[in-house]
Structures are given as structure tokens and as C-alpha cells.
């Protein structure tokens, strides 16, 4: 079943740069929730942030654009994005616990 933004897809993105301890997870949460996407954001042990989101591809493209910009306090060096078919995540978007607890 396809919605107005096309068939559901899955974005698995790894964000590198100064993205931990600068409010990046809250930024990603807000952006994904504004787009009505399902998924999560988490800090990774290597200092990156992982964002997994599902929804219409057009909305995921919008999220990816925002992830590449990041919050004012952060600095995004690069975003490595992998695209897959949607697998059916739990409804809603959340911050998952990760290696670095502070934001």
C-alpha cells in the first residue's frame, strides 16, 4: 500500500562529525516527528549518531536533508545513508539509549 509520498522505505543513516553532546538526537527526534516518521535515533560507541526511520521516501529524503544540516551547536562532517524496503518499525519515533548518554 502506498501513501501520498510513495511506498514506505527505510533509511538507515550514520551521522559523523561533532554530533554527540550537542543536542543532535533531540534535533533528529523533532525533525522525524514533524514528518510523521517511525524509528529511532541513538548515539554509537564510535562517536557517530545512527538514525533509522521508515515512511514515505519523499519524507525520508526531507529528513536526510535535515540530518545533513544538523543543529546549530553540532557539526556534520558526513552522513552515510543506506536505503532499504520498510520492515515495519513500531509506530512513533524515539531516542534509543546509546554509548554516550548526554545531549
Protein backbone atom coordinates (compact mmCIF):
# COMPACT_ATOMS: atom_id res chain seq x y z
CA UNK A 1 0.00 0.00 0.00
CA UNK A 2 1.43 3.39 -0.99
CA UNK A 3 0.70 6.69 0.70
CA UNK A 4 0.93 10.16 -0.82
CA UNK A 5 4.73 10.13 -0.51
CA UNK A 6 5.12 6.77 -2.25
CA UNK A 7 5.67 3.28 -0.88
CA UNK A 8 7.23 3.08 2.58
CA UNK A 9 11.00 2.86 2.68
CA UNK A 10 13.68 2.58 5.36
CA UNK A 11 16.57 5.00 5.87
CA UNK A 12 19.48 3.77 7.99
CA UNK A 13 21.83 6.73 8.37
CA UNK A 14 25.13 7.10 10.22
CA UNK A 15 25.97 10.73 11.00
CA UNK A 16 29.61 11.65 11.62
CA UNK A 17 31.11 14.86 12.94
CA UNK A 18 30.56 16.72 16.23
CA UNK A 19 27.17 15.12 16.81
CA UNK A 20 27.25 13.81 20.37
CA UNK A 21 26.67 16.08 23.35
CA UNK A 22 25.27 18.88 21.14
CA UNK A 23 21.53 18.04 21.09
CA UNK A 24 21.71 16.10 17.82
CA UNK A 25 19.43 13.27 18.99
CA UNK A 26 16.74 15.71 20.13
CA UNK A 27 17.12 17.59 16.84
CA UNK A 28 16.69 14.37 14.83
CA UNK A 29 13.74 13.31 17.01
CA UNK A 30 11.94 16.61 16.42
CA UNK A 31 12.57 16.55 12.65
CA UNK A 32 11.39 12.93 12.28
CA UNK A 33 8.29 13.51 14.42
CA UNK A 34 7.38 16.61 12.38
CA UNK A 35 7.47 14.39 9.27
CA UNK A 36 5.39 11.65 10.93
CA UNK A 37 8.12 9.02 10.57
CA UNK A 38 8.64 5.88 12.66
CA UNK A 39 12.03 4.86 14.03
CA UNK A 40 14.77 5.86 16.43
CA UNK A 41 17.98 7.82 16.91
CA UNK A 42 20.90 6.64 19.05
CA UNK A 43 24.48 7.56 19.90
CA UNK A 44 27.05 5.00 18.76
CA UNK A 45 30.28 4.00 20.56
CA UNK A 46 32.45 5.45 17.76
CA UNK A 47 31.07 8.97 18.31
CA UNK A 48 28.57 8.87 15.45
CA UNK A 49 24.78 9.02 15.66
CA UNK A 50 22.58 6.41 13.98
CA UNK A 51 19.14 7.30 12.67
CA UNK A 52 16.76 4.59 11.47
CA UNK A 53 13.48 5.86 10.05
CA UNK A 54 10.63 4.45 7.99
CA UNK A 55 7.96 6.18 5.98
CA UNK A 56 7.33 7.60 2.52
CA UNK A 57 10.56 8.09 0.55
CA UNK A 58 9.82 11.80 -0.02
CA UNK A 59 9.60 12.36 3.76
CA UNK A 60 12.77 10.34 4.36
CA UNK A 61 14.57 12.47 1.76
CA UNK A 62 13.46 15.56 3.70
CA UNK A 63 14.76 14.04 6.93
CA UNK A 64 18.08 13.20 5.29
CA UNK A 65 18.43 16.82 4.15
CA UNK A 66 17.88 17.99 7.73
CA UNK A 67 20.28 15.40 9.17
CA UNK A 68 22.99 16.72 6.85
CA UNK A 69 22.46 20.23 8.27
CA UNK A 70 22.22 19.26 11.96
CA UNK A 71 21.53 21.51 14.95
CA UNK A 72 23.34 24.86 15.40
CA UNK A 73 25.68 23.51 18.12
CA UNK A 74 26.78 20.50 16.06
CA UNK A 75 28.92 20.00 13.01
CA UNK A 76 28.05 17.31 10.47
CA UNK A 77 31.07 16.01 8.58
CA UNK A 78 29.13 13.45 6.56
CA UNK A 79 26.04 11.27 6.53
CA UNK A 80 26.28 7.71 5.26
CA UNK A 81 22.79 6.68 4.15
CA UNK A 82 21.62 3.18 3.32
CA UNK A 83 18.19 2.65 1.74
CA UNK A 84 16.10 -0.49 2.20
CA UNK A 85 12.47 -1.55 1.94
CA UNK A 86 10.45 -0.77 5.06
CA UNK A 87 10.37 -3.59 7.62
CA UNK A 88 7.61 -2.25 9.83
CA UNK A 89 9.00 -0.42 12.86
CA UNK A 90 6.84 0.28 15.91
CA UNK A 91 4.77 3.44 15.43
CA UNK A 92 6.36 6.70 16.56
CA UNK A 93 9.90 7.98 16.78
CA UNK A 94 12.11 7.75 19.88
CA UNK A 95 15.56 8.32 21.29
CA UNK A 96 17.20 4.97 21.99
CA UNK A 97 19.89 4.67 24.62
CA UNK A 98 23.37 4.67 23.19
CA UNK A 99 27.01 4.78 24.14
CA UNK A 100 27.03 8.49 25.04
CA UNK A 101 24.20 9.40 27.40
CA UNK A 102 24.49 13.18 27.35
CA UNK A 103 22.91 15.54 24.90
